[in-house]
Amino acid sequence: MAYIRTIAPEEATGELKQHYDAALKRAGRVFNIIRIQSLHPASLEASVELYKSLMHKPGPLRRATREMLAVVVSRELDCFY
């Protein structure tokens, strides 16, 4: 299995700590999809903003439909997020 170095939430400082704190507020924990981007906080921020734009902003699909599609794709790819 591949290994990718990450920064643990208890070791985060500065901008990364702010991102981790926001993740804790949003989801109650820092998921691996966030931690895997911990070595480059600017990319982490861009990724979170893309997610929020796709899932939360107005668009042609209802939010429930977007969530359902995310679940179906995750299941098909054996991704358990």
N, C-alpha and C. Protein backbone atom coordinates (compact mmCIF):
# COMPACT_ATOMS: atom_id res chain seq x y z
N MET A 1 0.83 -1.18 0.00
CA MET A 1 0.00 0.00 0.00
C MET A 1 0.88 1.25 0.00
N ALA A 2 0.48 2.25 -0.73
CA ALA A 2 1.24 3.49 -0.82
C ALA A 2 1.19 4.24 0.50
N TYR A 3 2.22 5.01 0.76
CA TYR A 3 2.28 5.83 1.97
C TYR A 3 2.45 7.28 1.56
N ILE A 4 1.61 8.13 2.09
CA ILE A 4 1.71 9.57 1.85
C ILE A 4 1.83 10.24 3.21
N ARG A 5 2.90 10.99 3.40
CA ARG A 5 3.11 11.68 4.67
C ARG A 5 2.05 12.76 4.84
N THR A 6 1.49 12.84 6.02
CA THR A 6 0.52 13.88 6.35
C THR A 6 0.89 14.50 7.69
N ILE A 7 0.27 15.62 7.97
CA ILE A 7 0.46 16.28 9.26
C ILE A 7 -0.77 16.01 10.11
N ALA A 8 -0.56 15.44 11.27
CA ALA A 8 -1.65 15.11 12.19
C ALA A 8 -2.29 16.39 12.72
N PRO A 9 -3.57 16.35 13.03
CA PRO A 9 -4.24 17.55 13.55
C PRO A 9 -3.56 18.16 14.77
N GLU A 10 -3.05 17.32 15.67
CA GLU A 10 -2.40 17.86 16.87
C GLU A 10 -1.04 18.49 16.57
N GLU A 11 -0.50 18.28 15.39
CA GLU A 11 0.78 18.87 14.99
C GLU A 11 0.62 20.08 14.08
N ALA A 12 -0.59 20.36 13.66
CA ALA A 12 -0.83 21.45 12.70
C ALA A 12 -0.63 22.81 13.35
N THR A 13 -0.08 23.74 12.57
CA THR A 13 0.10 25.12 13.01
C THR A 13 -0.32 26.05 11.88
N GLY A 14 -0.46 27.30 12.20
CA GLY A 14 -0.71 28.34 11.20
C GLY A 14 -1.93 28.08 10.34
N GLU A 15 -1.75 28.28 9.04
CA GLU A 15 -2.84 28.15 8.07
C GLU A 15 -3.44 26.74 8.08
N LEU A 16 -2.60 25.72 8.19
CA LEU A 16 -3.10 24.36 8.21
C LEU A 16 -3.98 24.13 9.43
N LYS A 17 -3.60 24.64 10.58
CA LYS A 17 -4.43 24.50 11.79
C LYS A 17 -5.78 25.15 11.58
N GLN A 18 -5.81 26.28 10.90
CA GLN A 18 -7.09 26.93 10.61
C GLN A 18 -7.97 26.04 9.74
N HIS A 19 -7.38 25.40 8.74
CA HIS A 19 -8.13 24.49 7.88
C HIS A 19 -8.64 23.29 8.68
N TYR A 20 -7.79 22.73 9.51
CA TYR A 20 -8.19 21.60 10.34
C TYR A 20 -9.31 21.99 11.30
N ASP A 21 -9.18 23.16 11.92
CA ASP A 21 -10.23 23.63 12.84
C ASP A 21 -11.56 23.80 12.10
N ALA A 22 -11.51 24.31 10.87
CA ALA A 22 -12.73 24.46 10.07
C ALA A 22 -13.31 23.08 9.74
N ALA A 23 -12.46 22.11 9.46
CA ALA A 23 -12.94 20.75 9.17
C ALA A 23 -13.61 20.16 10.41
N LEU A 24 -13.01 20.37 11.57
CA LEU A 24 -13.61 19.89 12.81
C LEU A 24 -14.98 20.51 13.04
N LYS A 25 -15.09 21.79 12.75
CA LYS A 25 -16.37 22.48 12.93
C LYS A 25 -17.42 21.95 11.94
N ARG A 26 -17.00 21.71 10.69
CA ARG A 26 -17.91 21.21 9.65
C ARG A 26 -18.35 19.78 9.89
N ALA A 27 -17.39 18.91 10.20
CA ALA A 27 -17.66 17.47 10.18
C ALA A 27 -17.40 16.76 11.50
N GLY A 28 -16.84 17.45 12.46
CA GLY A 28 -16.56 16.81 13.74
C GLY A 28 -15.26 16.04 13.78
N ARG A 29 -14.56 15.98 12.66
CA ARG A 29 -13.25 15.32 12.57
C ARG A 29 -12.54 15.79 11.32
N VAL A 30 -11.25 15.48 11.23
CA VAL A 30 -10.45 15.81 10.05
C VAL A 30 -10.32 14.53 9.24
N PHE A 31 -11.10 14.43 8.17
CA PHE A 31 -11.07 13.24 7.33
C PHE A 31 -9.75 13.15 6.56
N ASN A 32 -9.40 11.93 6.15
CA ASN A 32 -8.15 11.71 5.42
C ASN A 32 -8.08 12.49 4.12
N ILE A 33 -9.22 12.74 3.48
CA ILE A 33 -9.21 13.51 2.24
C ILE A 33 -8.67 14.93 2.48
N ILE A 34 -8.83 15.43 3.69
CA ILE A 34 -8.26 16.72 4.08
C ILE A 34 -6.79 16.54 4.48
N ARG A 35 -6.53 15.55 5.31
CA ARG A 35 -5.15 15.33 5.81
C ARG A 35 -4.16 15.06 4.69
N ILE A 36 -4.61 14.40 3.62
CA ILE A 36 -3.70 14.03 2.55
C ILE A 36 -3.16 15.26 1.82
N GLN A 37 -3.85 16.38 2.00
CA GLN A 37 -3.42 17.63 1.37
C GLN A 37 -2.69 18.55 2.35
N SER A 38 -2.36 18.03 3.52
CA SER A 38 -1.83 18.86 4.60
C SER A 38 -0.46 19.47 4.33
N LEU A 39 0.30 18.90 3.42
CA LEU A 39 1.63 19.45 3.15
C LEU A 39 1.57 20.69 2.27
N HIS A 40 0.40 20.97 1.71
CA HIS A 40 0.25 22.15 0.85
C HIS A 40 -1.09 22.82 1.14
N PRO A 41 -1.15 23.65 2.19
CA PRO A 41 -2.41 24.26 2.61
C PRO A 41 -3.12 25.06 1.51
N ALA A 42 -2.39 25.65 0.60
CA ALA A 42 -3.04 26.42 -0.48
C ALA A 42 -3.85 25.49 -1.38
N SER A 43 -3.32 24.32 -1.68
CA SER A 43 -4.06 23.34 -2.46
C SER A 43 -5.26 22.81 -1.68
N LEU A 44 -5.07 22.60 -0.40
CA LEU A 44 -6.17 22.17 0.46
C LEU A 44 -7.31 23.18 0.42
N GLU A 45 -6.97 24.45 0.54
CA GLU A 45 -8.00 25.49 0.49
C GLU A 45 -8.73 25.48 -0.85
N ALA A 46 -7.99 25.36 -1.95
CA ALA A 46 -8.61 25.33 -3.28
C ALA A 46 -9.54 24.12 -3.41
N SER A 47 -9.11 22.99 -2.88
CA SER A 47 -9.93 21.78 -2.95
C SER A 47 -11.23 21.93 -2.16
N VAL A 48 -11.14 22.49 -0.97
CA VAL A 48 -12.34 22.69 -0.15
C VAL A 48 -13.28 23.68 -0.83
N GLU A 49 -12.73 24.73 -1.40
CA GLU A 49 -13.57 25.72 -2.09
C GLU A 49 -14.26 25.11 -3.31
N LEU A 50 -13.55 24.26 -4.04
CA LEU A 50 -14.16 23.58 -5.18
C LEU A 50 -15.32 22.70 -4.70
N TYR A 51 -15.08 21.92 -3.65
CA TYR A 51 -16.13 21.07 -3.10
C TYR A 51 -17.35 21.91 -2.69
N LYS A 52 -17.12 22.99 -1.96
CA LYS A 52 -18.24 23.82 -1.50
C LYS A 52 -18.99 24.42 -2.68
N SER A 53 -18.28 24.82 -3.71
CA SER A 53 -18.91 25.38 -4.90
C SER A 53 -19.77 24.34 -5.60
N LEU A 54 -19.24 23.13 -5.75
CA LEU A 54 -19.98 22.08 -6.44
C LEU A 54 -21.19 21.59 -5.65
N MET A 55 -21.05 21.50 -4.35
CA MET A 55 -22.09 20.87 -3.54
C MET A 55 -23.08 21.86 -2.92
N HIS A 56 -22.69 23.10 -2.70
CA HIS A 56 -23.53 24.01 -1.93
C HIS A 56 -24.09 25.20 -2.71
N LYS A 57 -23.45 25.58 -3.78
CA LYS A 57 -23.92 26.76 -4.51
C LYS A 57 -25.04 26.39 -5.48
N PRO A 58 -25.85 27.36 -5.87
CA PRO A 58 -26.95 27.08 -6.81
C PRO A 58 -26.43 26.46 -8.10
N GLY A 59 -27.23 25.56 -8.65
CA GLY A 59 -26.87 24.89 -9.90
C GLY A 59 -28.08 24.16 -10.44
N PRO A 60 -27.90 23.47 -11.55
CA PRO A 60 -29.04 22.79 -12.18
C PRO A 60 -29.55 21.58 -11.40
N LEU A 61 -28.72 21.01 -10.52
CA LEU A 61 -29.14 19.85 -9.73
C LEU A 61 -29.42 20.27 -8.29
N ARG A 62 -30.44 19.64 -7.71
CA ARG A 62 -30.72 19.89 -6.29
C ARG A 62 -29.58 19.33 -5.45
N ARG A 63 -29.42 19.85 -4.25
CA ARG A 63 -28.36 19.40 -3.34
C ARG A 63 -28.48 17.90 -3.07
N ALA A 64 -29.70 17.43 -2.85
CA ALA A 64 -29.91 16.01 -2.57
C ALA A 64 -29.44 15.14 -3.74
N THR A 65 -29.67 15.59 -4.95
CA THR A 65 -29.23 14.85 -6.13
C THR A 65 -27.70 14.82 -6.20
N ARG A 66 -27.08 15.93 -5.90
CA ARG A 66 -25.61 15.98 -5.90
C ARG A 66 -25.03 15.01 -4.87
N GLU A 67 -25.63 15.00 -3.68
CA GLU A 67 -25.16 14.10 -2.62
C GLU A 67 -25.35 12.64 -3.04
N MET A 68 -26.50 12.35 -3.66
CA MET A 68 -26.78 10.99 -4.10
C MET A 68 -25.75 10.55 -5.15
N LEU A 69 -25.43 11.43 -6.09
CA LEU A 69 -24.43 11.10 -7.11
C LEU A 69 -23.06 10.86 -6.47
N ALA A 70 -22.72 11.65 -5.48
CA ALA A 70 -21.44 11.47 -4.80
C ALA A 70 -21.39 10.11 -4.11
N VAL A 71 -22.49 9.70 -3.49
CA VAL A 71 -22.54 8.41 -2.82
C VAL A 71 -22.41 7.27 -3.83
N VAL A 72 -23.14 7.37 -4.93
CA VAL A 72 -23.10 6.32 -5.95
C VAL A 72 -21.69 6.18 -6.54
N VAL A 73 -21.07 7.29 -6.87
CA VAL A 73 -19.72 7.25 -7.44
C VAL A 73 -18.73 6.70 -6.42
N SER A 74 -18.83 7.15 -5.16
CA SER A 74 -17.93 6.66 -4.12
C SER A 74 -18.09 5.16 -3.94
N ARG A 75 -19.31 4.69 -3.93
CA ARG A 75 -19.55 3.25 -3.78
C ARG A 75 -18.99 2.46 -4.95
N GLU A 76 -19.22 2.97 -6.15
CA GLU A 76 -18.73 2.30 -7.35
C GLU A 76 -17.20 2.19 -7.34
N LEU A 77 -16.54 3.19 -6.78
CA LEU A 77 -15.07 3.22 -6.73
C LEU A 77 -14.51 2.62 -5.46
N ASP A 78 -15.39 2.03 -4.64
CA ASP A 78 -14.98 1.47 -3.35
C ASP A 78 -14.31 2.50 -2.45
N CYS A 79 -14.80 3.72 -2.49
CA CYS A 79 -14.32 4.80 -1.65
C CYS A 79 -15.36 5.02 -0.55
N PHE A 80 -14.95 4.94 0.68
CA PHE A 80 -15.91 4.97 1.78
C PHE A 80 -15.98 6.32 2.48
N TYR A 81 -15.83 7.41 1.77
CA TYR A 81 -15.99 8.72 2.38
C TYR A 81 -17.44 9.09 2.38
